[in-house]
Amino acid sequence: MVEFMERKHKLLGVCSGISRSMMYLVYNDEYAIVFDITDINTLGRALEIDPPARFMDMMEVFNCERVFKRKLLAVFYTRNCRNYDLIRFSYEFLTKSIFFEWNLNEKTYCFEDFEVAALTIPNRDKNAFCFLIDDYFIIGNAFFYLGCRKFYKEGTINLSITLEKLRHYVRTNVICCYGHDFSKMGYKLASKYFDPSFKVQNSKISHLW
């Protein structure tokens, strides 16, 4: 079982593009760690703002006032980032002092008072990961719209392996952060079988168990 600290950092999820891809920042007033960069300029601005909400669209980030100069401590990807060298060398704030490595081990990485536990999963990409920091569980595309099996090369076999691994290593009551904003699709699906409150449609996080 992966041990995690009580929540002492804030979470910002930034949604962008037609596919509604999610980038997550876990932060305090001084530092931040980012998961799955979707837009480097949005990341740079997000490091400087005091987010008015936990989840924002990309353009909403640029409408916020600059009030902080947070230091980015680390960059993590839930799946293979083929252009991470290009990203690093193209932007000044992604310096060598920032942890930015694809060849991860299944262990806990520590930066200041941030602890990031990495778990490997048999996803469609080689060396895919989920991350647990505080009680935030960054799962990327491990479960793509109710666990769509196309993200598993061996179909339900690898999906079963992933579920069993998470059941064994991850505690209950984590906040599950998906790789895409599925709120509209999820609400549409739920409406076929239930009568969900309309405010549920705007919810972009859920408890995994």
N, C-alpha and C. Protein backbone atom coordinates (compact mmCIF):
# COMPACT_ATOMS: atom_id res chain seq x y z
N MET A 1 0.84 -1.19 0.00
CA MET A 1 0.00 0.00 0.00
C MET A 1 0.88 1.25 0.00
N VAL A 2 0.65 2.16 -0.93
CA VAL A 2 1.41 3.40 -0.99
C VAL A 2 0.92 4.34 0.09
N GLU A 3 1.83 4.80 0.93
CA GLU A 3 1.47 5.74 1.97
C GLU A 3 1.54 7.16 1.39
N PHE A 4 0.55 7.96 1.68
CA PHE A 4 0.61 9.34 1.23
C PHE A 4 0.27 10.27 2.38
N MET A 5 0.77 11.49 2.29
CA MET A 5 0.56 12.47 3.33
C MET A 5 -0.85 13.03 3.26
N GLU A 6 -1.27 13.64 4.35
CA GLU A 6 -2.52 14.39 4.31
C GLU A 6 -2.34 15.53 3.31
N ARG A 7 -3.43 15.95 2.73
CA ARG A 7 -3.34 16.99 1.71
C ARG A 7 -2.78 18.28 2.28
N LYS A 8 -1.67 18.74 1.73
CA LYS A 8 -1.11 20.02 2.16
C LYS A 8 -0.70 20.88 0.96
N HIS A 9 -1.06 20.43 -0.22
CA HIS A 9 -0.83 21.21 -1.43
C HIS A 9 -2.15 21.38 -2.18
N LYS A 10 -2.19 22.38 -3.02
CA LYS A 10 -3.38 22.63 -3.81
C LYS A 10 -3.24 21.98 -5.19
N LEU A 11 -4.38 21.81 -5.84
CA LEU A 11 -4.41 21.19 -7.16
C LEU A 11 -5.06 22.13 -8.17
N LEU A 12 -4.45 22.24 -9.34
CA LEU A 12 -5.05 22.97 -10.46
C LEU A 12 -5.04 22.06 -11.68
N GLY A 13 -6.20 21.83 -12.25
CA GLY A 13 -6.30 21.11 -13.52
C GLY A 13 -6.65 22.09 -14.62
N VAL A 14 -5.85 22.09 -15.69
CA VAL A 14 -6.07 23.02 -16.81
C VAL A 14 -6.47 22.21 -18.04
N CYS A 15 -7.61 22.56 -18.61
CA CYS A 15 -8.17 21.83 -19.74
C CYS A 15 -7.90 22.61 -21.03
N SER A 16 -7.49 21.89 -22.09
CA SER A 16 -7.19 22.58 -23.34
C SER A 16 -7.48 21.69 -24.54
N GLY A 17 -7.74 22.34 -25.67
CA GLY A 17 -7.89 21.64 -26.94
C GLY A 17 -9.23 20.98 -27.14
N ILE A 18 -9.45 20.51 -28.37
CA ILE A 18 -10.69 19.85 -28.72
C ILE A 18 -10.86 18.55 -27.93
N SER A 19 -9.75 17.87 -27.68
CA SER A 19 -9.81 16.61 -26.95
C SER A 19 -9.98 16.80 -25.44
N ARG A 20 -10.00 18.06 -24.99
CA ARG A 20 -10.17 18.39 -23.57
C ARG A 20 -9.10 17.71 -22.72
N SER A 21 -7.84 17.80 -23.17
CA SER A 21 -6.72 17.21 -22.44
C SER A 21 -6.46 17.98 -21.15
N MET A 22 -6.05 17.26 -20.11
CA MET A 22 -5.84 17.87 -18.80
C MET A 22 -4.35 17.91 -18.45
N MET A 23 -3.93 19.06 -17.94
CA MET A 23 -2.62 19.24 -17.33
C MET A 23 -2.86 19.56 -15.86
N TYR A 24 -2.11 18.94 -14.96
CA TYR A 24 -2.32 19.14 -13.53
C TYR A 24 -1.09 19.75 -12.88
N LEU A 25 -1.33 20.77 -12.04
CA LEU A 25 -0.30 21.33 -11.19
C LEU A 25 -0.66 21.06 -9.74
N VAL A 26 0.29 20.56 -8.98
CA VAL A 26 0.15 20.45 -7.53
C VAL A 26 1.13 21.48 -6.97
N TYR A 27 0.64 22.37 -6.11
CA TYR A 27 1.44 23.55 -5.81
C TYR A 27 1.17 24.11 -4.41
N ASN A 28 2.08 24.97 -3.97
CA ASN A 28 1.85 25.88 -2.86
C ASN A 28 2.28 27.27 -3.33
N ASP A 29 2.49 28.19 -2.42
CA ASP A 29 2.83 29.55 -2.85
C ASP A 29 4.22 29.66 -3.46
N GLU A 30 5.12 28.71 -3.13
CA GLU A 30 6.51 28.81 -3.56
C GLU A 30 6.89 27.86 -4.68
N TYR A 31 6.30 26.66 -4.67
CA TYR A 31 6.75 25.61 -5.58
C TYR A 31 5.57 24.95 -6.29
N ALA A 32 5.91 24.23 -7.35
CA ALA A 32 4.88 23.46 -8.07
C ALA A 32 5.51 22.26 -8.75
N ILE A 33 4.69 21.23 -8.94
CA ILE A 33 5.04 20.07 -9.74
C ILE A 33 3.95 19.91 -10.79
N VAL A 34 4.33 19.61 -12.02
CA VAL A 34 3.35 19.53 -13.10
C VAL A 34 3.30 18.11 -13.67
N PHE A 35 2.10 17.71 -14.06
CA PHE A 35 1.88 16.41 -14.67
C PHE A 35 1.23 16.61 -16.04
N ASP A 36 1.82 16.01 -17.07
CA ASP A 36 1.28 16.01 -18.43
C ASP A 36 1.11 17.42 -18.99
N ILE A 37 2.23 18.05 -19.34
CA ILE A 37 2.18 19.38 -19.95
C ILE A 37 1.42 19.31 -21.27
N THR A 38 0.40 20.13 -21.40
CA THR A 38 -0.35 20.21 -22.66
C THR A 38 0.01 21.45 -23.45
N ASP A 39 0.39 22.52 -22.76
CA ASP A 39 0.78 23.76 -23.43
C ASP A 39 1.78 24.48 -22.55
N ILE A 40 2.98 24.69 -23.07
CA ILE A 40 4.06 25.21 -22.26
C ILE A 40 3.81 26.65 -21.81
N ASN A 41 3.17 27.46 -22.66
CA ASN A 41 2.89 28.84 -22.29
C ASN A 41 1.84 28.92 -21.19
N THR A 42 0.87 28.02 -21.25
CA THR A 42 -0.15 27.96 -20.20
C THR A 42 0.48 27.56 -18.88
N LEU A 43 1.41 26.63 -18.93
CA LEU A 43 2.12 26.23 -17.72
C LEU A 43 2.86 27.41 -17.12
N GLY A 44 3.58 28.16 -17.95
CA GLY A 44 4.32 29.32 -17.46
C GLY A 44 3.42 30.32 -16.76
N ARG A 45 2.24 30.56 -17.31
CA ARG A 45 1.31 31.50 -16.70
C ARG A 45 0.69 30.91 -15.43
N ALA A 46 0.37 29.63 -15.46
CA ALA A 46 -0.24 28.99 -14.29
C ALA A 46 0.67 29.03 -13.07
N LEU A 47 1.97 29.05 -13.29
CA LEU A 47 2.91 29.13 -12.18
C LEU A 47 2.85 30.47 -11.47
N GLU A 48 2.24 31.46 -12.11
CA GLU A 48 2.26 32.83 -11.57
C GLU A 48 0.93 33.29 -10.98
N ILE A 49 -0.11 32.48 -11.11
CA ILE A 49 -1.44 32.95 -10.71
C ILE A 49 -1.90 32.33 -9.39
N ASP A 50 -2.93 32.94 -8.82
CA ASP A 50 -3.64 32.36 -7.68
C ASP A 50 -4.97 31.85 -8.23
N PRO A 51 -5.05 30.56 -8.59
CA PRO A 51 -6.23 30.05 -9.29
C PRO A 51 -7.52 30.26 -8.50
N PRO A 52 -8.55 30.81 -9.12
CA PRO A 52 -9.83 31.01 -8.44
C PRO A 52 -10.66 29.73 -8.37
N ALA A 53 -10.24 28.70 -9.09
CA ALA A 53 -10.96 27.43 -9.10
C ALA A 53 -9.96 26.29 -9.24
N ARG A 54 -10.41 25.10 -8.90
CA ARG A 54 -9.53 23.93 -9.00
C ARG A 54 -9.35 23.48 -10.44
N PHE A 55 -10.36 23.73 -11.28
CA PHE A 55 -10.29 23.36 -12.69
C PHE A 55 -10.63 24.56 -13.55
N MET A 56 -9.79 24.81 -14.55
CA MET A 56 -9.95 25.98 -15.40
C MET A 56 -9.67 25.60 -16.85
N ASP A 57 -10.31 26.33 -17.77
CA ASP A 57 -9.94 26.22 -19.17
C ASP A 57 -8.67 27.03 -19.41
N MET A 58 -7.98 26.69 -20.47
CA MET A 58 -6.69 27.31 -20.75
C MET A 58 -6.78 28.83 -20.81
N MET A 59 -7.77 29.37 -21.50
CA MET A 59 -7.86 30.82 -21.65
C MET A 59 -8.18 31.51 -20.33
N GLU A 60 -8.85 30.82 -19.43
CA GLU A 60 -9.14 31.40 -18.11
C GLU A 60 -7.86 31.64 -17.34
N VAL A 61 -6.87 30.80 -17.54
CA VAL A 61 -5.58 30.96 -16.86
C VAL A 61 -4.94 32.28 -17.25
N PHE A 62 -5.01 32.63 -18.53
CA PHE A 62 -4.38 33.86 -19.01
C PHE A 62 -5.15 35.11 -18.58
N ASN A 63 -6.37 34.95 -18.13
CA ASN A 63 -7.15 36.09 -17.65
C ASN A 63 -6.87 36.41 -16.19
N CYS A 64 -6.08 35.57 -15.52
CA CYS A 64 -5.76 35.77 -14.11
C CYS A 64 -4.53 36.65 -13.94
N GLU A 65 -4.52 37.41 -12.87
CA GLU A 65 -3.41 38.30 -12.57
C GLU A 65 -2.19 37.53 -12.11
N ARG A 66 -1.01 38.01 -12.49
CA ARG A 66 0.24 37.42 -12.02
C ARG A 66 0.52 37.89 -10.60
N VAL A 67 0.60 36.96 -9.66
CA VAL A 67 0.84 37.34 -8.26
C VAL A 67 1.95 36.51 -7.61
N PHE A 68 2.37 35.42 -8.24
CA PHE A 68 3.40 34.55 -7.66
C PHE A 68 4.53 34.34 -8.66
N LYS A 69 5.67 33.91 -8.14
CA LYS A 69 6.78 33.45 -8.97
C LYS A 69 7.20 32.08 -8.45
N ARG A 70 6.33 31.12 -8.66
CA ARG A 70 6.61 29.77 -8.15
C ARG A 70 7.76 29.13 -8.92
N LYS A 71 8.53 28.32 -8.21
CA LYS A 71 9.60 27.55 -8.83
C LYS A 71 9.05 26.18 -9.20
N LEU A 72 9.23 25.79 -10.45
CA LEU A 72 8.82 24.47 -10.89
C LEU A 72 9.89 23.46 -10.48
N LEU A 73 9.48 22.46 -9.71
CA LEU A 73 10.43 21.48 -9.18
C LEU A 73 10.58 20.26 -10.06
N ALA A 74 9.50 19.82 -10.69
CA ALA A 74 9.56 18.57 -11.45
C ALA A 74 8.45 18.51 -12.48
N VAL A 75 8.72 17.76 -13.55
CA VAL A 75 7.75 17.51 -14.61
C VAL A 75 7.60 16.00 -14.75
N PHE A 76 6.37 15.52 -14.71
CA PHE A 76 6.10 14.09 -14.87
C PHE A 76 5.09 13.89 -16.00
N TYR A 77 5.25 12.78 -16.70
CA TYR A 77 4.30 12.40 -17.74
C TYR A 77 3.73 11.02 -17.44
N THR A 78 2.42 10.86 -17.65
CA THR A 78 1.79 9.56 -17.42
C THR A 78 2.03 8.61 -18.58
N ARG A 79 2.45 9.13 -19.72
CA ARG A 79 2.79 8.26 -20.84
C ARG A 79 3.95 8.86 -21.60
N ASN A 80 4.51 8.10 -22.52
CA ASN A 80 5.75 8.46 -23.19
C ASN A 80 5.66 9.82 -23.87
N CYS A 81 6.55 10.72 -23.45
CA CYS A 81 6.63 12.05 -24.06
C CYS A 81 7.79 12.04 -25.04
N ARG A 82 7.49 11.91 -26.31
CA ARG A 82 8.55 11.73 -27.31
C ARG A 82 9.33 13.00 -27.60
N ASN A 83 8.80 14.15 -27.23
CA ASN A 83 9.48 15.40 -27.54
C ASN A 83 9.92 16.14 -26.29
N TYR A 84 10.22 15.40 -25.20
CA TYR A 84 10.52 16.12 -23.96
C TYR A 84 11.84 16.88 -24.04
N ASP A 85 12.80 16.42 -24.85
CA ASP A 85 14.04 17.17 -25.02
C ASP A 85 13.78 18.50 -25.71
N LEU A 86 12.91 18.48 -26.72
CA LEU A 86 12.55 19.72 -27.41
C LEU A 86 11.87 20.69 -26.46
N ILE A 87 10.99 20.18 -25.62
CA ILE A 87 10.31 21.03 -24.65
C ILE A 87 11.32 21.66 -23.70
N ARG A 88 12.25 20.85 -23.20
CA ARG A 88 13.23 21.35 -22.24
C ARG A 88 14.08 22.46 -22.84
N PHE A 89 14.61 22.25 -24.03
CA PHE A 89 15.56 23.19 -24.60
C PHE A 89 14.90 24.41 -25.23
N SER A 90 13.59 24.38 -25.38
CA SER A 90 12.89 25.49 -26.01
C SER A 90 12.45 26.55 -25.01
N TYR A 91 12.42 26.22 -23.74
CA TYR A 91 11.88 27.16 -22.76
C TYR A 91 12.82 27.29 -21.57
N GLU A 92 13.12 28.52 -21.23
CA GLU A 92 14.14 28.82 -20.25
C GLU A 92 13.84 28.24 -18.88
N PHE A 93 12.57 28.23 -18.47
CA PHE A 93 12.29 27.81 -17.10
C PHE A 93 12.34 26.29 -16.93
N LEU A 94 12.44 25.52 -18.03
CA LEU A 94 12.67 24.08 -17.91
C LEU A 94 14.17 23.82 -17.96
N THR A 95 14.86 24.25 -16.93
CA THR A 95 16.31 24.11 -16.86
C THR A 95 16.68 22.75 -16.31
N LYS A 96 17.97 22.48 -16.29
CA LYS A 96 18.44 21.19 -15.78
C LYS A 96 18.22 21.05 -14.27
N SER A 97 17.91 22.15 -13.61
CA SER A 97 17.64 22.07 -12.17
C SER A 97 16.27 21.48 -11.89
N ILE A 98 15.44 21.38 -12.92
CA ILE A 98 14.10 20.80 -12.77
C ILE A 98 14.16 19.32 -13.11
N PHE A 99 13.58 18.49 -12.26
CA PHE A 99 13.55 17.06 -12.52
C PHE A 99 12.62 16.79 -13.70
N PHE A 100 13.19 16.23 -14.75
CA PHE A 100 12.44 16.00 -15.98
C PHE A 100 13.02 14.78 -16.66
N GLU A 101 12.49 13.61 -16.34
CA GLU A 101 13.09 12.35 -16.77
C GLU A 101 12.00 11.35 -17.11
N TRP A 102 12.16 10.66 -18.25
CA TRP A 102 11.17 9.68 -18.62
C TRP A 102 11.46 8.31 -18.03
N ASN A 103 12.73 7.95 -17.89
CA ASN A 103 13.10 6.62 -17.41
C ASN A 103 12.93 6.55 -15.89
N LEU A 104 11.69 6.48 -15.46
CA LEU A 104 11.38 6.49 -14.03
C LEU A 104 11.43 5.09 -13.45
N ASN A 105 11.60 5.03 -12.15
CA ASN A 105 11.47 3.79 -11.41
C ASN A 105 10.17 3.82 -10.63
N GLU A 106 9.70 2.66 -10.25
CA GLU A 106 8.49 2.58 -9.44
C GLU A 106 8.88 2.83 -7.98
N LYS A 107 8.86 4.10 -7.59
CA LYS A 107 9.29 4.49 -6.25
C LYS A 107 8.70 5.86 -5.92
N THR A 108 9.06 6.38 -4.76
CA THR A 108 8.61 7.71 -4.35
C THR A 108 9.71 8.72 -4.59
N TYR A 109 9.39 9.79 -5.30
CA TYR A 109 10.33 10.88 -5.59
C TYR A 109 10.00 12.05 -4.67
N CYS A 110 11.02 12.66 -4.08
CA CYS A 110 10.82 13.73 -3.10
C CYS A 110 11.44 15.04 -3.57
N PHE A 111 10.69 16.13 -3.45
CA PHE A 111 11.14 17.47 -3.81
C PHE A 111 10.57 18.44 -2.78
N GLU A 112 11.46 19.12 -2.03
CA GLU A 112 11.00 19.97 -0.93
C GLU A 112 10.04 19.17 -0.06
N ASP A 113 8.78 19.62 0.13
CA ASP A 113 7.83 18.83 0.93
C ASP A 113 6.82 18.08 0.05
N PHE A 114 7.15 17.91 -1.22
CA PHE A 114 6.31 17.15 -2.15
C PHE A 114 6.82 15.72 -2.25
N GLU A 115 5.92 14.76 -2.15
CA GLU A 115 6.27 13.35 -2.33
C GLU A 115 5.40 12.77 -3.44
N VAL A 116 6.05 12.27 -4.48
CA VAL A 116 5.34 11.75 -5.65
C VAL A 116 5.64 10.26 -5.78
N ALA A 117 4.62 9.42 -5.60
CA ALA A 117 4.78 7.98 -5.77
C ALA A 117 4.42 7.60 -7.19
N ALA A 118 5.35 6.93 -7.90
CA ALA A 118 5.13 6.51 -9.28
C ALA A 118 4.80 5.03 -9.34
N LEU A 119 3.77 4.68 -10.09
CA LEU A 119 3.37 3.28 -10.30
C LEU A 119 3.31 2.99 -11.79
N THR A 120 3.99 1.94 -12.23
CA THR A 120 3.93 1.56 -13.64
C THR A 120 2.62 0.84 -13.91
N ILE A 121 2.09 1.04 -15.12
CA ILE A 121 0.86 0.36 -15.53
C ILE A 121 1.02 -0.14 -16.97
N PRO A 122 0.40 -1.26 -17.33
CA PRO A 122 0.50 -1.81 -18.69
C PRO A 122 -0.47 -1.13 -19.64
N ASN A 123 -0.17 0.12 -19.98
CA ASN A 123 -1.06 0.90 -20.84
C ASN A 123 -0.68 0.69 -22.29
N ARG A 124 -1.28 1.46 -23.20
CA ARG A 124 -0.97 1.33 -24.63
C ARG A 124 0.46 1.79 -24.91
N ASP A 125 1.02 2.68 -24.08
CA ASP A 125 2.39 3.15 -24.26
C ASP A 125 3.32 2.38 -23.34
N LYS A 126 4.51 2.12 -23.81
CA LYS A 126 5.49 1.45 -22.98
C LYS A 126 5.89 2.38 -21.84
N ASN A 127 6.05 1.83 -20.67
CA ASN A 127 6.46 2.60 -19.49
C ASN A 127 5.46 3.69 -19.12
N ALA A 128 4.19 3.37 -19.13
CA ALA A 128 3.17 4.32 -18.68
C ALA A 128 3.12 4.32 -17.16
N PHE A 129 2.70 5.45 -16.57
CA PHE A 129 2.70 5.61 -15.12
C PHE A 129 1.41 6.26 -14.62
N CYS A 130 1.10 5.96 -13.37
CA CYS A 130 0.16 6.73 -12.57
C CYS A 130 0.96 7.35 -11.44
N PHE A 131 0.48 8.46 -10.90
CA PHE A 131 1.20 9.15 -9.83
C PHE A 131 0.26 9.48 -8.68
N LEU A 132 0.77 9.31 -7.47
CA LEU A 132 0.03 9.66 -6.27
C LEU A 132 0.82 10.70 -5.50
N ILE A 133 0.20 11.86 -5.27
CA ILE A 133 0.83 12.93 -4.51
C ILE A 133 -0.23 13.48 -3.55
N ASP A 134 0.07 13.48 -2.27
CA ASP A 134 -0.94 13.73 -1.24
C ASP A 134 -2.08 12.74 -1.48
N ASP A 135 -3.31 13.22 -1.63
CA ASP A 135 -4.41 12.31 -1.97
C ASP A 135 -4.91 12.56 -3.39
N TYR A 136 -4.06 13.15 -4.23
CA TYR A 136 -4.37 13.34 -5.64
C TYR A 136 -3.78 12.17 -6.42
N PHE A 137 -4.61 11.50 -7.21
CA PHE A 137 -4.17 10.35 -7.99
C PHE A 137 -4.23 10.70 -9.47
N ILE A 138 -3.08 10.94 -10.07
CA ILE A 138 -2.98 11.34 -11.47
C ILE A 138 -2.91 10.09 -12.33
N ILE A 139 -3.97 9.78 -13.05
CA ILE A 139 -4.00 8.50 -13.76
C ILE A 139 -3.89 8.62 -15.28
N GLY A 140 -3.86 9.84 -15.81
CA GLY A 140 -3.71 10.00 -17.25
C GLY A 140 -4.78 9.24 -18.00
N ASN A 141 -4.35 8.40 -18.95
CA ASN A 141 -5.29 7.63 -19.75
C ASN A 141 -5.39 6.18 -19.32
N ALA A 142 -5.03 5.89 -18.08
CA ALA A 142 -5.15 4.52 -17.58
C ALA A 142 -6.59 4.04 -17.69
N PHE A 143 -7.53 4.95 -17.46
CA PHE A 143 -8.95 4.66 -17.64
C PHE A 143 -9.51 5.72 -18.57
N PHE A 144 -9.60 5.38 -19.83
CA PHE A 144 -10.01 6.33 -20.85
C PHE A 144 -11.51 6.20 -21.09
N TYR A 145 -12.27 7.08 -20.50
CA TYR A 145 -13.74 7.06 -20.62
C TYR A 145 -14.29 5.69 -20.23
N LEU A 146 -14.33 5.46 -18.94
CA LEU A 146 -14.82 4.21 -18.37
C LEU A 146 -13.96 3.01 -18.76
N GLY A 147 -12.63 3.24 -18.88
CA GLY A 147 -11.71 2.13 -19.10
C GLY A 147 -11.75 1.57 -20.50
N CYS A 148 -11.83 2.42 -21.50
CA CYS A 148 -11.88 1.96 -22.89
C CYS A 148 -10.70 1.05 -23.19
N ARG A 149 -10.97 -0.16 -23.62
CA ARG A 149 -9.92 -1.18 -23.74
C ARG A 149 -8.94 -0.91 -24.87
N LYS A 150 -9.22 0.03 -25.76
CA LYS A 150 -8.28 0.28 -26.85
C LYS A 150 -6.95 0.82 -26.34
N PHE A 151 -6.91 1.28 -25.09
CA PHE A 151 -5.67 1.78 -24.53
C PHE A 151 -4.83 0.65 -23.92
N TYR A 152 -5.28 -0.57 -24.07
CA TYR A 152 -4.56 -1.73 -23.56
C TYR A 152 -4.31 -2.69 -24.71
N LYS A 153 -3.03 -2.90 -25.04
CA LYS A 153 -2.69 -3.73 -26.20
C LYS A 153 -3.20 -5.15 -26.04
N GLU A 154 -3.27 -5.62 -24.82
CA GLU A 154 -3.78 -6.97 -24.57
C GLU A 154 -5.22 -6.93 -24.05
N GLY A 155 -5.90 -5.82 -24.28
CA GLY A 155 -7.31 -5.71 -23.92
C GLY A 155 -7.57 -5.87 -22.45
N THR A 156 -8.55 -6.70 -22.13
CA THR A 156 -9.02 -6.83 -20.75
C THR A 156 -7.99 -7.45 -19.82
N ILE A 157 -7.01 -8.17 -20.36
CA ILE A 157 -5.99 -8.78 -19.50
C ILE A 157 -5.19 -7.70 -18.79
N ASN A 158 -4.66 -6.74 -19.56
CA ASN A 158 -3.89 -5.67 -18.94
C ASN A 158 -4.76 -4.74 -18.11
N LEU A 159 -6.00 -4.55 -18.52
CA LEU A 159 -6.92 -3.76 -17.71
C LEU A 159 -7.12 -4.41 -16.35
N SER A 160 -7.27 -5.72 -16.33
CA SER A 160 -7.42 -6.45 -15.08
C SER A 160 -6.17 -6.34 -14.22
N ILE A 161 -5.00 -6.43 -14.86
CA ILE A 161 -3.73 -6.30 -14.13
C ILE A 161 -3.64 -4.93 -13.47
N THR A 162 -4.01 -3.89 -14.23
CA THR A 162 -3.96 -2.53 -13.70
C THR A 162 -4.89 -2.35 -12.51
N LEU A 163 -6.12 -2.82 -12.64
CA LEU A 163 -7.09 -2.69 -11.55
C LEU A 163 -6.61 -3.41 -10.29
N GLU A 164 -6.05 -4.58 -10.45
CA GLU A 164 -5.57 -5.34 -9.30
C GLU A 164 -4.38 -4.64 -8.65
N LYS A 165 -3.50 -4.08 -9.47
CA LYS A 165 -2.34 -3.38 -8.93
C LYS A 165 -2.76 -2.14 -8.15
N LEU A 166 -3.70 -1.39 -8.69
CA LEU A 166 -4.16 -0.20 -8.00
C LEU A 166 -4.91 -0.56 -6.72
N ARG A 167 -5.67 -1.64 -6.77
CA ARG A 167 -6.37 -2.08 -5.57
C ARG A 167 -5.39 -2.44 -4.46
N HIS A 168 -4.25 -3.00 -4.83
CA HIS A 168 -3.26 -3.44 -3.85
C HIS A 168 -2.43 -2.28 -3.31
N TYR A 169 -2.07 -1.33 -4.18
CA TYR A 169 -1.11 -0.30 -3.80
C TYR A 169 -1.72 1.03 -3.40
N VAL A 170 -2.93 1.33 -3.85
CA VAL A 170 -3.50 2.66 -3.64
C VAL A 170 -4.64 2.61 -2.64
N ARG A 171 -4.59 3.51 -1.70
CA ARG A 171 -5.64 3.58 -0.69
C ARG A 171 -6.97 4.03 -1.29
N THR A 172 -8.02 3.84 -0.51
CA THR A 172 -9.33 4.34 -0.91
C THR A 172 -9.41 5.85 -0.69
N ASN A 173 -10.45 6.45 -1.28
CA ASN A 173 -10.75 7.87 -1.08
C ASN A 173 -9.68 8.81 -1.62
N VAL A 174 -9.05 8.42 -2.72
CA VAL A 174 -8.17 9.36 -3.41
C VAL A 174 -8.99 10.19 -4.39
N ILE A 175 -8.47 11.35 -4.75
CA ILE A 175 -9.10 12.18 -5.77
C ILE A 175 -8.51 11.79 -7.11
N CYS A 176 -9.34 11.26 -7.97
CA CYS A 176 -8.90 10.69 -9.24
C CYS A 176 -8.87 11.77 -10.32
N CYS A 177 -7.71 12.00 -10.92
CA CYS A 177 -7.53 13.05 -11.91
C CYS A 177 -7.27 12.42 -13.28
N TYR A 178 -8.25 12.49 -14.15
CA TYR A 178 -8.19 11.85 -15.45
C TYR A 178 -7.38 12.67 -16.45
N GLY A 179 -6.97 12.02 -17.53
CA GLY A 179 -6.18 12.68 -18.56
C GLY A 179 -6.97 13.58 -19.48
N HIS A 180 -8.30 13.45 -19.44
CA HIS A 180 -9.18 14.29 -20.25
C HIS A 180 -10.39 14.69 -19.40
N ASP A 181 -11.03 15.77 -19.81
CA ASP A 181 -12.26 16.20 -19.16
C ASP A 181 -13.41 15.42 -19.77
N PHE A 182 -13.93 14.45 -19.01
CA PHE A 182 -15.02 13.61 -19.49
C PHE A 182 -16.37 14.03 -18.90
N SER A 183 -16.45 15.24 -18.35
CA SER A 183 -17.66 15.63 -17.63
C SER A 183 -18.90 15.61 -18.52
N LYS A 184 -18.80 16.11 -19.74
CA LYS A 184 -19.97 16.13 -20.62
C LYS A 184 -20.35 14.73 -21.06
N MET A 185 -19.35 13.92 -21.45
CA MET A 185 -19.64 12.56 -21.87
C MET A 185 -20.17 11.72 -20.72
N GLY A 186 -19.57 11.92 -19.53
CA GLY A 186 -20.01 11.17 -18.37
C GLY A 186 -21.43 11.51 -17.97
N TYR A 187 -21.78 12.80 -18.04
CA TYR A 187 -23.14 13.23 -17.71
C TYR A 187 -24.14 12.66 -18.71
N LYS A 188 -23.76 12.66 -19.99
CA LYS A 188 -24.64 12.12 -21.03
C LYS A 188 -24.90 10.64 -20.82
N LEU A 189 -23.83 9.90 -20.47
CA LEU A 189 -23.98 8.48 -20.23
C LEU A 189 -24.83 8.22 -18.99
N ALA A 190 -24.54 8.95 -17.91
CA ALA A 190 -25.29 8.75 -16.67
C ALA A 190 -26.77 9.07 -16.84
N SER A 191 -27.06 10.04 -17.70
CA SER A 191 -28.45 10.44 -17.92
C SER A 191 -29.29 9.34 -18.57
N LYS A 192 -28.61 8.39 -19.24
CA LYS A 192 -29.34 7.28 -19.85
C LYS A 192 -29.89 6.31 -18.81
N TYR A 193 -29.24 6.27 -17.65
CA TYR A 193 -29.61 5.27 -16.65
C TYR A 193 -30.08 5.87 -15.33
N PHE A 194 -29.70 7.13 -15.06
CA PHE A 194 -30.04 7.77 -13.79
C PHE A 194 -30.62 9.15 -14.06
N ASP A 195 -30.85 9.87 -12.99
CA ASP A 195 -31.32 11.25 -13.09
C ASP A 195 -30.35 12.13 -12.31
N PRO A 196 -29.12 12.31 -12.83
CA PRO A 196 -28.10 13.04 -12.07
C PRO A 196 -28.39 14.53 -11.99
N SER A 197 -27.94 15.14 -10.92
CA SER A 197 -28.06 16.59 -10.79
C SER A 197 -27.26 17.26 -11.89
N PHE A 198 -27.76 18.39 -12.40
CA PHE A 198 -27.07 19.06 -13.50
C PHE A 198 -25.68 19.51 -13.10
N LYS A 199 -25.48 19.84 -11.83
CA LYS A 199 -24.17 20.31 -11.41
C LYS A 199 -23.11 19.22 -11.52
N VAL A 200 -23.54 17.96 -11.58
CA VAL A 200 -22.60 16.86 -11.75
C VAL A 200 -21.88 16.98 -13.08
N GLN A 201 -22.53 17.56 -14.08
CA GLN A 201 -21.92 17.69 -15.40
C GLN A 201 -20.64 18.50 -15.35
N ASN A 202 -20.55 19.45 -14.43
CA ASN A 202 -19.38 20.31 -14.33
C ASN A 202 -18.30 19.76 -13.41
N SER A 203 -18.51 18.58 -12.88
CA SER A 203 -17.52 17.98 -11.99
C SER A 203 -16.47 17.26 -12.81
N LYS A 204 -15.19 17.62 -12.61
CA LYS A 204 -14.11 17.05 -13.41
C LYS A 204 -13.23 16.13 -12.59
N ILE A 205 -13.62 15.85 -11.36
CA ILE A 205 -12.89 14.89 -10.56
C ILE A 205 -13.89 13.97 -9.90
N SER A 206 -13.43 12.82 -9.49
CA SER A 206 -14.30 11.90 -8.77
C SER A 206 -13.44 11.04 -7.86
N HIS A 207 -14.07 10.39 -6.90
CA HIS A 207 -13.35 9.45 -6.07
C HIS A 207 -13.27 8.12 -6.80
N LEU A 208 -12.08 7.54 -6.78
CA LEU A 208 -11.86 6.30 -7.53
C LEU A 208 -12.62 5.16 -6.91
N TRP A 209 -12.63 5.08 -5.56
CA TRP A 209 -13.41 4.04 -4.89
C TRP A 209 -14.22 4.68 -3.77
